[in-house]
Amino acid sequence: ESDMTVMVNAGRLNMTGGHIEDKTDTGYALWVQQDGQA
């Protein structure tokens, strides 16, 4: 399956620091869908 390091599905990501990384070649580091917010 395609990977999503962080999936936001009708929720919220508040990122003030840290590191999100997709180390593959089949997905995304961050996927925001539905009514999600980043």
PDB file of all heavy atoms in Angstrom:
ATOM      1  N   GLU A   1       0.817  -1.200   0.000  1.00  0.00           N
ATOM      2  CA  GLU A   1       0.000   0.000   0.000  1.00  0.00           C
ATOM      3  C   GLU A   1       0.860   1.264   0.000  1.00  0.00           C
ATOM      4  O   GLU A   1       1.956   1.288   0.536  1.00  0.00           O
ATOM      5  CB  GLU A   1      -0.914   0.046   1.236  1.00  0.00           C
ATOM      6  CG  GLU A   1      -2.014  -0.992   1.240  1.00  0.00           C
ATOM      7  CD  GLU A   1      -1.590  -2.272   1.930  1.00  0.00           C
ATOM      8  OE1 GLU A   1      -0.369  -2.518   1.998  1.00  0.00           O
ATOM      9  OE2 GLU A   1      -2.471  -3.014   2.386  1.00  0.00           O
ATOM     10  N   SER A   2       0.336   2.312  -0.633  1.00  0.00           N
ATOM     11  CA  SER A   2       1.006   3.599  -0.557  1.00  0.00           C
ATOM     12  C   SER A   2       0.975   4.088   0.880  1.00  0.00           C
ATOM     13  O   SER A   2      -0.029   3.960   1.572  1.00  0.00           O
ATOM     14  CB  SER A   2       0.316   4.616  -1.471  1.00  0.00           C
ATOM     15  OG  SER A   2       0.436   4.243  -2.812  1.00  0.00           O
ATOM     16  N   ASP A   3       2.070   4.636   1.338  1.00  0.00           N
ATOM     17  CA  ASP A   3       2.133   5.056   2.733  1.00  0.00           C
ATOM     18  C   ASP A   3       1.916   6.555   2.849  1.00  0.00           C
ATOM     19  O   ASP A   3       2.195   7.318   1.934  1.00  0.00           O
ATOM     20  CB  ASP A   3       3.483   4.676   3.351  1.00  0.00           C
ATOM     21  CG  ASP A   3       4.633   5.319   2.597  1.00  0.00           C
ATOM     22  OD1 ASP A   3       5.010   4.781   1.556  1.00  0.00           O
ATOM     23  OD2 ASP A   3       5.116   6.378   3.041  1.00  0.00           O
ATOM     24  N   MET A   4       1.404   6.981   3.991  1.00  0.00           N
ATOM     25  CA  MET A   4       1.221   8.379   4.338  1.00  0.00           C
ATOM     26  C   MET A   4       1.771   8.556   5.749  1.00  0.00           C
ATOM     27  O   MET A   4       1.213   8.006   6.694  1.00  0.00           O
ATOM     28  CB  MET A   4      -0.261   8.778   4.301  1.00  0.00           C
ATOM     29  CG  MET A   4      -0.951   8.455   2.986  1.00  0.00           C
ATOM     30  SD  MET A   4      -0.310   9.415   1.612  1.00  0.00           S
ATOM     31  CE  MET A   4      -0.976   8.477   0.222  1.00  0.00           C
ATOM     32  N   THR A   5       2.858   9.266   5.889  1.00  0.00           N
ATOM     33  CA  THR A   5       3.498   9.358   7.195  1.00  0.00           C
ATOM     34  C   THR A   5       2.540   9.937   8.226  1.00  0.00           C
ATOM     35  O   THR A   5       2.377   9.405   9.318  1.00  0.00           O
ATOM     36  CB  THR A   5       4.776  10.209   7.117  1.00  0.00           C
ATOM     37  OG1 THR A   5       5.611   9.677   6.082  1.00  0.00           O
ATOM     38  CG2 THR A   5       5.539  10.183   8.428  1.00  0.00           C
ATOM     39  N   VAL A   6       1.881  11.044   7.877  1.00  0.00           N
ATOM     40  CA  VAL A   6       0.821  11.599   8.722  1.00  0.00           C
ATOM     41  C   VAL A   6      -0.425  11.770   7.865  1.00  0.00           C
ATOM     42  O   VAL A   6      -0.390  12.452   6.835  1.00  0.00           O
ATOM     43  CB  VAL A   6       1.224  12.950   9.346  1.00  0.00           C
ATOM     44  CG1 VAL A   6       0.042  13.558  10.103  1.00  0.00           C
ATOM     45  CG2 VAL A   6       2.416  12.780  10.287  1.00  0.00           C
ATOM     46  N   MET A   7      -1.498  11.127   8.265  1.00  0.00           N
ATOM     47  CA  MET A   7      -2.793  11.251   7.589  1.00  0.00           C
ATOM     48  C   MET A   7      -3.720  12.092   8.443  1.00  0.00           C
ATOM     49  O   MET A   7      -3.924  11.785   9.629  1.00  0.00           O
ATOM     50  CB  MET A   7      -3.413   9.874   7.376  1.00  0.00           C
ATOM     51  CG  MET A   7      -4.888   9.896   7.010  1.00  0.00           C
ATOM     52  SD  MET A   7      -5.173  10.475   5.330  1.00  0.00           S
ATOM     53  CE  MET A   7      -4.885   8.963   4.417  1.00  0.00           C
ATOM     54  N   VAL A   8      -4.247  13.174   7.873  1.00  0.00           N
ATOM     55  CA  VAL A   8      -5.197  14.024   8.585  1.00  0.00           C
ATOM     56  C   VAL A   8      -6.541  13.891   7.877  1.00  0.00           C
ATOM     57  O   VAL A   8      -6.734  14.388   6.767  1.00  0.00           O
ATOM     58  CB  VAL A   8      -4.743  15.497   8.614  1.00  0.00           C
ATOM     59  CG1 VAL A   8      -5.738  16.334   9.415  1.00  0.00           C
ATOM     60  CG2 VAL A   8      -3.343  15.621   9.200  1.00  0.00           C
ATOM     61  N   ASN A   9      -7.473  13.213   8.519  1.00  0.00           N
ATOM     62  CA  ASN A   9      -8.773  12.908   7.918  1.00  0.00           C
ATOM     63  C   ASN A   9      -9.857  13.536   8.796  1.00  0.00           C
ATOM     64  O   ASN A   9     -10.218  12.992   9.837  1.00  0.00           O
ATOM     65  CB  ASN A   9      -8.930  11.385   7.831  1.00  0.00           C
ATOM     66  CG  ASN A   9     -10.280  10.987   7.264  1.00  0.00           C
ATOM     67  OD1 ASN A   9     -11.069  11.819   6.845  1.00  0.00           O
ATOM     68  ND2 ASN A   9     -10.551   9.701   7.257  1.00  0.00           N
ATOM     69  N   ALA A  10     -10.355  14.687   8.381  1.00  0.00           N
ATOM     70  CA  ALA A  10     -11.397  15.385   9.145  1.00  0.00           C
ATOM     71  C   ALA A  10     -10.922  15.725  10.551  1.00  0.00           C
ATOM     72  O   ALA A  10     -11.682  15.717  11.504  1.00  0.00           O
ATOM     73  CB  ALA A  10     -12.679  14.567   9.198  1.00  0.00           C
ATOM     74  N   GLY A  11      -9.657  16.024  10.677  1.00  0.00           N
ATOM     75  CA  GLY A  11      -9.092  16.463  11.944  1.00  0.00           C
ATOM     76  C   GLY A  11      -8.110  17.594  11.686  1.00  0.00           C
ATOM     77  O   GLY A  11      -8.206  18.287  10.673  1.00  0.00           O
ATOM     78  N   ARG A  12      -7.147  17.773  12.587  1.00  0.00           N
ATOM     79  CA  ARG A  12      -6.231  18.912  12.438  1.00  0.00           C
ATOM     80  C   ARG A  12      -4.824  18.543  12.896  1.00  0.00           C
ATOM     81  O   ARG A  12      -4.640  17.889  13.920  1.00  0.00           O
ATOM     82  CB  ARG A  12      -6.745  20.099  13.245  1.00  0.00           C
ATOM     83  CG  ARG A  12      -5.948  21.383  13.048  1.00  0.00           C
ATOM     84  CD  ARG A  12      -6.676  22.573  13.661  1.00  0.00           C
ATOM     85  NE  ARG A  12      -6.634  22.576  15.107  1.00  0.00           N
ATOM     86  CZ  ARG A  12      -7.640  22.283  15.901  1.00  0.00           C
ATOM     87  NH1 ARG A  12      -8.815  21.950  15.365  1.00  0.00           N
ATOM     88  NH2 ARG A  12      -7.520  22.315  17.215  1.00  0.00           N
ATOM     89  N   LEU A  13      -3.850  18.965  12.113  1.00  0.00           N
ATOM     90  CA  LEU A  13      -2.455  18.885  12.507  1.00  0.00           C
ATOM     91  C   LEU A  13      -1.948  20.290  12.778  1.00  0.00           C
ATOM     92  O   LEU A  13      -2.053  21.173  11.925  1.00  0.00           O
ATOM     93  CB  LEU A  13      -1.605  18.254  11.387  1.00  0.00           C
ATOM     94  CG  LEU A  13      -0.079  18.415  11.531  1.00  0.00           C
ATOM     95  CD1 LEU A  13       0.439  17.592  12.704  1.00  0.00           C
ATOM     96  CD2 LEU A  13       0.628  18.031  10.234  1.00  0.00           C
ATOM     97  N   ASN A  14      -1.415  20.500  13.978  1.00  0.00           N
ATOM     98  CA  ASN A  14      -0.730  21.743  14.310  1.00  0.00           C
ATOM     99  C   ASN A  14       0.747  21.406  14.492  1.00  0.00           C
ATOM    100  O   ASN A  14       1.126  20.755  15.468  1.00  0.00           O
ATOM    101  CB  ASN A  14      -1.292  22.354  15.595  1.00  0.00           C
ATOM    102  CG  ASN A  14      -2.748  22.754  15.457  1.00  0.00           C
ATOM    103  OD1 ASN A  14      -3.168  23.268  14.423  1.00  0.00           O
ATOM    104  ND2 ASN A  14      -3.530  22.515  16.498  1.00  0.00           N
ATOM    105  N   MET A  15       1.556  21.818  13.553  1.00  0.00           N
ATOM    106  CA  MET A  15       2.970  21.474  13.579  1.00  0.00           C
ATOM    107  C   MET A  15       3.794  22.724  13.848  1.00  0.00           C
ATOM    108  O   MET A  15       3.892  23.618  13.009  1.00  0.00           O
ATOM    109  CB  MET A  15       3.385  20.828  12.256  1.00  0.00           C
ATOM    110  CG  MET A  15       4.824  20.361  12.213  1.00  0.00           C
ATOM    111  SD  MET A  15       5.197  19.522  10.643  1.00  0.00           S
ATOM    112  CE  MET A  15       6.901  19.043  10.936  1.00  0.00           C
ATOM    113  N   THR A  16       4.390  22.782  15.036  1.00  0.00           N
ATOM    114  CA  THR A  16       5.232  23.922  15.405  1.00  0.00           C
ATOM    115  C   THR A  16       6.706  23.535  15.439  1.00  0.00           C
ATOM    116  O   THR A  16       7.572  24.391  15.601  1.00  0.00           O
ATOM    117  CB  THR A  16       4.819  24.476  16.779  1.00  0.00           C
ATOM    118  OG1 THR A  16       4.898  23.413  17.753  1.00  0.00           O
ATOM    119  CG2 THR A  16       3.396  25.018  16.737  1.00  0.00           C
ATOM    120  N   GLY A  17       6.994  22.268  15.318  1.00  0.00           N
ATOM    121  CA  GLY A  17       8.356  21.773  15.308  1.00  0.00           C
ATOM    122  C   GLY A  17       8.355  20.302  14.953  1.00  0.00           C
ATOM    123  O   GLY A  17       7.328  19.722  14.617  1.00  0.00           O
ATOM    124  N   GLY A  18       9.519  19.690  15.026  1.00  0.00           N
ATOM    125  CA  GLY A  18       9.597  18.272  14.727  1.00  0.00           C
ATOM    126  C   GLY A  18       9.873  18.002  13.262  1.00  0.00           C
ATOM    127  O   GLY A  18      10.177  18.908  12.475  1.00  0.00           O
ATOM    128  N   HIS A  19       9.734  16.744  12.882  1.00  0.00           N
ATOM    129  CA  HIS A  19      10.146  16.295  11.551  1.00  0.00           C
ATOM    130  C   HIS A  19       9.179  15.211  11.086  1.00  0.00           C
ATOM    131  O   HIS A  19       8.959  14.222  11.797  1.00  0.00           O
ATOM    132  CB  HIS A  19      11.574  15.746  11.632  1.00  0.00           C
ATOM    133  CG  HIS A  19      12.172  15.356  10.325  1.00  0.00           C
ATOM    134  ND1 HIS A  19      12.912  16.228   9.545  1.00  0.00           N
ATOM    135  CD2 HIS A  19      12.160  14.187   9.657  1.00  0.00           C
ATOM    136  CE1 HIS A  19      13.342  15.607   8.460  1.00  0.00           C
ATOM    137  NE2 HIS A  19      12.886  14.364   8.503  1.00  0.00           N
ATOM    138  N   ILE A  20       8.593  15.381   9.903  1.00  0.00           N
ATOM    139  CA  ILE A  20       7.734  14.373   9.269  1.00  0.00           C
ATOM    140  C   ILE A  20       8.410  13.967   7.973  1.00  0.00           C
ATOM    141  O   ILE A  20       8.723  14.825   7.136  1.00  0.00           O
ATOM    142  CB  ILE A  20       6.327  14.917   8.971  1.00  0.00           C
ATOM    143  CG1 ILE A  20       5.607  15.309  10.265  1.00  0.00           C
ATOM    144  CG2 ILE A  20       5.502  13.890   8.205  1.00  0.00           C
ATOM    145  CD1 ILE A  20       4.275  16.008  10.030  1.00  0.00           C
ATOM    146  N   GLU A  21       8.641  12.671   7.799  1.00  0.00           N
ATOM    147  CA  GLU A  21       9.366  12.249   6.594  1.00  0.00           C
ATOM    148  C   GLU A  21       8.848  10.921   6.059  1.00  0.00           C
ATOM    149  O   GLU A  21       8.659   9.961   6.798  1.00  0.00           O
ATOM    150  CB  GLU A  21      10.863  12.125   6.881  1.00  0.00           C
ATOM    151  CG  GLU A  21      11.676  11.753   5.648  1.00  0.00           C
ATOM    152  CD  GLU A  21      13.169  11.814   5.860  1.00  0.00           C
ATOM    153  OE1 GLU A  21      13.595  12.247   6.968  1.00  0.00           O
ATOM    154  OE2 GLU A  21      13.913  11.455   4.944  1.00  0.00           O
ATOM    155  N   ASP A  22       8.631  10.899   4.732  1.00  0.00           N
ATOM    156  CA  ASP A  22       8.334   9.660   4.027  1.00  0.00           C
ATOM    157  C   ASP A  22       9.632   9.179   3.391  1.00  0.00           C
ATOM    158  O   ASP A  22      10.209   9.858   2.545  1.00  0.00           O
ATOM    159  CB  ASP A  22       7.271   9.901   2.957  1.00  0.00           C
ATOM    160  CG  ASP A  22       7.110   8.695   2.044  1.00  0.00           C
ATOM    161  OD1 ASP A  22       7.138   7.560   2.562  1.00  0.00           O
ATOM    162  OD2 ASP A  22       6.976   8.886   0.816  1.00  0.00           O
ATOM    163  N   LYS A  23      10.112   8.004   3.807  1.00  0.00           N
ATOM    164  CA  LYS A  23      11.372   7.478   3.306  1.00  0.00           C
ATOM    165  C   LYS A  23      11.166   6.468   2.180  1.00  0.00           C
ATOM    166  O   LYS A  23      12.091   5.726   1.831  1.00  0.00           O
ATOM    167  CB  LYS A  23      12.156   6.823   4.448  1.00  0.00           C
ATOM    168  CG  LYS A  23      12.686   7.808   5.482  1.00  0.00           C
ATOM    169  CD  LYS A  23      13.445   7.084   6.581  1.00  0.00           C
ATOM    170  CE  LYS A  23      14.119   8.055   7.539  1.00  0.00           C
ATOM    171  NZ  LYS A  23      15.254   8.740   6.913  1.00  0.00           N
ATOM    172  N   THR A  24       9.959   6.419   1.611  1.00  0.00           N
ATOM    173  CA  THR A  24       9.679   5.487   0.532  1.00  0.00           C
ATOM    174  C   THR A  24       9.499   6.260  -0.769  1.00  0.00           C
ATOM    175  O   THR A  24       9.588   7.480  -0.815  1.00  0.00           O
ATOM    176  CB  THR A  24       8.405   4.691   0.818  1.00  0.00           C
ATOM    177  OG1 THR A  24       7.257   5.537   0.564  1.00  0.00           O
ATOM    178  CG2 THR A  24       8.338   4.241   2.269  1.00  0.00           C
ATOM    179  N   ASP A  25       9.179   5.545  -1.828  1.00  0.00           N
ATOM    180  CA  ASP A  25       8.904   6.199  -3.103  1.00  0.00           C
ATOM    181  C   ASP A  25       7.471   5.945  -3.553  1.00  0.00           C
ATOM    182  O   ASP A  25       7.147   6.038  -4.728  1.00  0.00           O
ATOM    183  CB  ASP A  25       9.886   5.725  -4.184  1.00  0.00           C
ATOM    184  CG  ASP A  25       9.861   4.215  -4.379  1.00  0.00           C
ATOM    185  OD1 ASP A  25       9.058   3.541  -3.694  1.00  0.00           O
ATOM    186  OD2 ASP A  25      10.626   3.709  -5.219  1.00  0.00           O
ATOM    187  N   THR A  26       6.593   5.625  -2.592  1.00  0.00           N
ATOM    188  CA  THR A  26       5.217   5.267  -2.958  1.00  0.00           C
ATOM    189  C   THR A  26       4.163   6.096  -2.248  1.00  0.00           C
ATOM    190  O   THR A  26       2.976   5.820  -2.391  1.00  0.00           O
ATOM    191  CB  THR A  26       4.946   3.784  -2.623  1.00  0.00           C
ATOM    192  OG1 THR A  26       5.155   3.580  -1.220  1.00  0.00           O
ATOM    193  CG2 THR A  26       5.869   2.866  -3.414  1.00  0.00           C
ATOM    194  N   GLY A  27       4.550   7.088  -1.465  1.00  0.00           N
ATOM    195  CA  GLY A  27       3.538   7.823  -0.714  1.00  0.00           C
ATOM    196  C   GLY A  27       3.916   9.265  -0.477  1.00  0.00           C
ATOM    197  O   GLY A  27       4.754   9.835  -1.181  1.00  0.00           O
ATOM    198  N   TYR A  28       3.283   9.855   0.524  1.00  0.00           N
ATOM    199  CA  TYR A  28       3.486  11.258   0.872  1.00  0.00           C
ATOM    200  C   TYR A  28       3.831  11.379   2.351  1.00  0.00           C
ATOM    201  O   TYR A  28       3.422  10.555   3.168  1.00  0.00           O
ATOM    202  CB  TYR A  28       2.224  12.073   0.584  1.00  0.00           C
ATOM    203  CG  TYR A  28       1.946  12.269  -0.884  1.00  0.00           C
ATOM    204  CD1 TYR A  28       1.288  11.290  -1.626  1.00  0.00           C
ATOM    205  CD2 TYR A  28       2.345  13.433  -1.534  1.00  0.00           C
ATOM    206  CE1 TYR A  28       1.036  11.458  -2.982  1.00  0.00           C
ATOM    207  CE2 TYR A  28       2.095  13.621  -2.883  1.00  0.00           C
ATOM    208  CZ  TYR A  28       1.454  12.635  -3.596  1.00  0.00           C
ATOM    209  OH  TYR A  28       1.209  12.805  -4.934  1.00  0.00           O
ATOM    210  N   ALA A  29       4.570  12.428   2.665  1.00  0.00           N
ATOM    211  CA  ALA A  29       4.869  12.691   4.071  1.00  0.00           C
ATOM    212  C   ALA A  29       3.610  13.127   4.814  1.00  0.00           C
ATOM    213  O   ALA A  29       3.403  12.764   5.972  1.00  0.00           O
ATOM    214  CB  ALA A  29       5.957  13.750   4.185  1.00  0.00           C
ATOM    215  N   LEU A  30       2.750  13.882   4.155  1.00  0.00           N
ATOM    216  CA  LEU A  30       1.534  14.402   4.789  1.00  0.00           C
ATOM    217  C   LEU A  30       0.389  14.357   3.799  1.00  0.00           C
ATOM    218  O   LEU A  30       0.499  14.877   2.680  1.00  0.00           O
ATOM    219  CB  LEU A  30       1.758  15.841   5.262  1.00  0.00           C
ATOM    220  CG  LEU A  30       0.540  16.616   5.790  1.00  0.00           C
ATOM    221  CD1 LEU A  30      -0.066  15.926   7.002  1.00  0.00           C
ATOM    222  CD2 LEU A  30       0.937  18.054   6.124  1.00  0.00           C
ATOM    223  N   TRP A  31      -0.712  13.746   4.200  1.00  0.00           N
ATOM    224  CA  TRP A  31      -1.925  13.712   3.375  1.00  0.00           C
ATOM    225  C   TRP A  31      -3.044  14.336   4.192  1.00  0.00           C
ATOM    226  O   TRP A  31      -3.381  13.876   5.279  1.00  0.00           O
ATOM    227  CB  TRP A  31      -2.283  12.277   2.996  1.00  0.00           C
ATOM    228  CG  TRP A  31      -3.456  12.176   2.028  1.00  0.00           C
ATOM    229  CD1 TRP A  31      -4.111  13.201   1.413  1.00  0.00           C
ATOM    230  CD2 TRP A  31      -4.079  10.974   1.569  1.00  0.00           C
ATOM    231  NE1 TRP A  31      -5.108  12.722   0.588  1.00  0.00           N
ATOM    232  CE2 TRP A  31      -5.116  11.357   0.668  1.00  0.00           C
ATOM    233  CE3 TRP A  31      -3.866   9.625   1.816  1.00  0.00           C
ATOM    234  CZ2 TRP A  31      -5.927  10.427   0.029  1.00  0.00           C
ATOM    235  CZ3 TRP A  31      -4.682   8.696   1.180  1.00  0.00           C
ATOM    236  CH2 TRP A  31      -5.698   9.103   0.295  1.00  0.00           C
ATOM    237  N   VAL A  32      -3.624  15.401   3.663  1.00  0.00           N
ATOM    238  CA  VAL A  32      -4.745  16.090   4.294  1.00  0.00           C
ATOM    239  C   VAL A  32      -5.971  15.835   3.434  1.00  0.00           C
ATOM    240  O   VAL A  32      -6.005  16.215   2.258  1.00  0.00           O
ATOM    241  CB  VAL A  32      -4.481  17.611   4.419  1.00  0.00           C
ATOM    242  CG1 VAL A  32      -5.599  18.278   5.208  1.00  0.00           C
ATOM    243  CG2 VAL A  32      -3.131  17.879   5.078  1.00  0.00           C
ATOM    244  N   GLN A  33      -7.004  15.230   4.011  1.00  0.00           N
ATOM    245  CA  GLN A  33      -8.178  14.893   3.211  1.00  0.00           C
ATOM    246  C   GLN A  33      -9.466  15.189   3.972  1.00  0.00           C
ATOM    247  O   GLN A  33      -9.448  15.607   5.119  1.00  0.00           O
ATOM    248  CB  GLN A  33      -8.131  13.421   2.786  1.00  0.00           C
ATOM    249  CG  GLN A  33      -8.245  12.428   3.920  1.00  0.00           C
ATOM    250  CD  GLN A  33      -8.457  11.015   3.410  1.00  0.00           C
ATOM    251  OE1 GLN A  33      -8.494  10.757   2.215  1.00  0.00           O
ATOM    252  NE2 GLN A  33      -8.623  10.074   4.321  1.00  0.00           N
ATOM    253  N   GLN A  34     -10.593  14.944   3.292  1.00  0.00           N
ATOM    254  CA  GLN A  34     -11.916  15.245   3.839  1.00  0.00           C
ATOM    255  C   GLN A  34     -11.973  16.696   4.305  1.00  0.00           C
ATOM    256  O   GLN A  34     -11.689  17.593   3.532  1.00  0.00           O
ATOM    257  CB  GLN A  34     -12.257  14.262   4.967  1.00  0.00           C
ATOM    258  CG  GLN A  34     -12.284  12.808   4.528  1.00  0.00           C
ATOM    259  CD  GLN A  34     -13.364  12.494   3.509  1.00  0.00           C
ATOM    260  OE1 GLN A  34     -14.411  13.116   3.490  1.00  0.00           O
ATOM    261  NE2 GLN A  34     -13.117  11.528   2.648  1.00  0.00           N
ATOM    262  N   ASP A  35     -12.313  16.942   5.568  1.00  0.00           N
ATOM    263  CA  ASP A  35     -12.322  18.297   6.125  1.00  0.00           C
ATOM    264  C   ASP A  35     -11.097  18.529   6.998  1.00  0.00           C
ATOM    265  O   ASP A  35     -11.138  19.288   7.964  1.00  0.00           O
ATOM    266  CB  ASP A  35     -13.595  18.533   6.951  1.00  0.00           C
ATOM    267  CG  ASP A  35     -14.805  18.780   6.059  1.00  0.00           C
ATOM    268  OD1 ASP A  35     -14.627  19.392   4.992  1.00  0.00           O
ATOM    269  OD2 ASP A  35     -15.902  18.344   6.423  1.00  0.00           O
ATOM    270  N   GLY A  36     -10.003  17.878   6.672  1.00  0.00           N
ATOM    271  CA  GLY A  36      -8.792  18.002   7.465  1.00  0.00           C
ATOM    272  C   GLY A  36      -8.091  19.335   7.262  1.00  0.00           C
ATOM    273  O   GLY A  36      -8.253  19.997   6.234  1.00  0.00           O
ATOM    274  N   GLN A  37      -7.304  19.718   8.257  1.00  0.00           N
ATOM    275  CA  GLN A  37      -6.524  20.947   8.192  1.00  0.00           C
ATOM    276  C   GLN A  37      -5.118  20.668   8.702  1.00  0.00           C
ATOM    277  O   GLN A  37      -4.932  19.917   9.647  1.00  0.00           O
ATOM    278  CB  GLN A  37      -7.144  22.054   9.052  1.00  0.00           C
ATOM    279  CG  GLN A  37      -8.511  22.515   8.594  1.00  0.00           C
ATOM    280  CD  GLN A  37      -9.070  23.598   9.497  1.00  0.00           C
ATOM    281  OE1 GLN A  37      -8.685  23.694  10.657  1.00  0.00           O
ATOM    282  NE2 GLN A  37      -9.965  24.403   8.974  1.00  0.00           N
ATOM    283  N   ALA A  38      -4.150  21.308   8.078  1.00  0.00           N
ATOM    284  CA  ALA A  38      -2.770  21.238   8.544  1.00  0.00           C
ATOM    285  C   ALA A  38      -2.246  22.655   8.702  1.00  0.00           C
ATOM    286  O   ALA A  38      -2.291  23.441   7.752  1.00  0.00           O
ATOM    287  CB  ALA A  38      -1.905  20.448   7.565  1.00  0.00           C
TER     288      ALA A  38
END
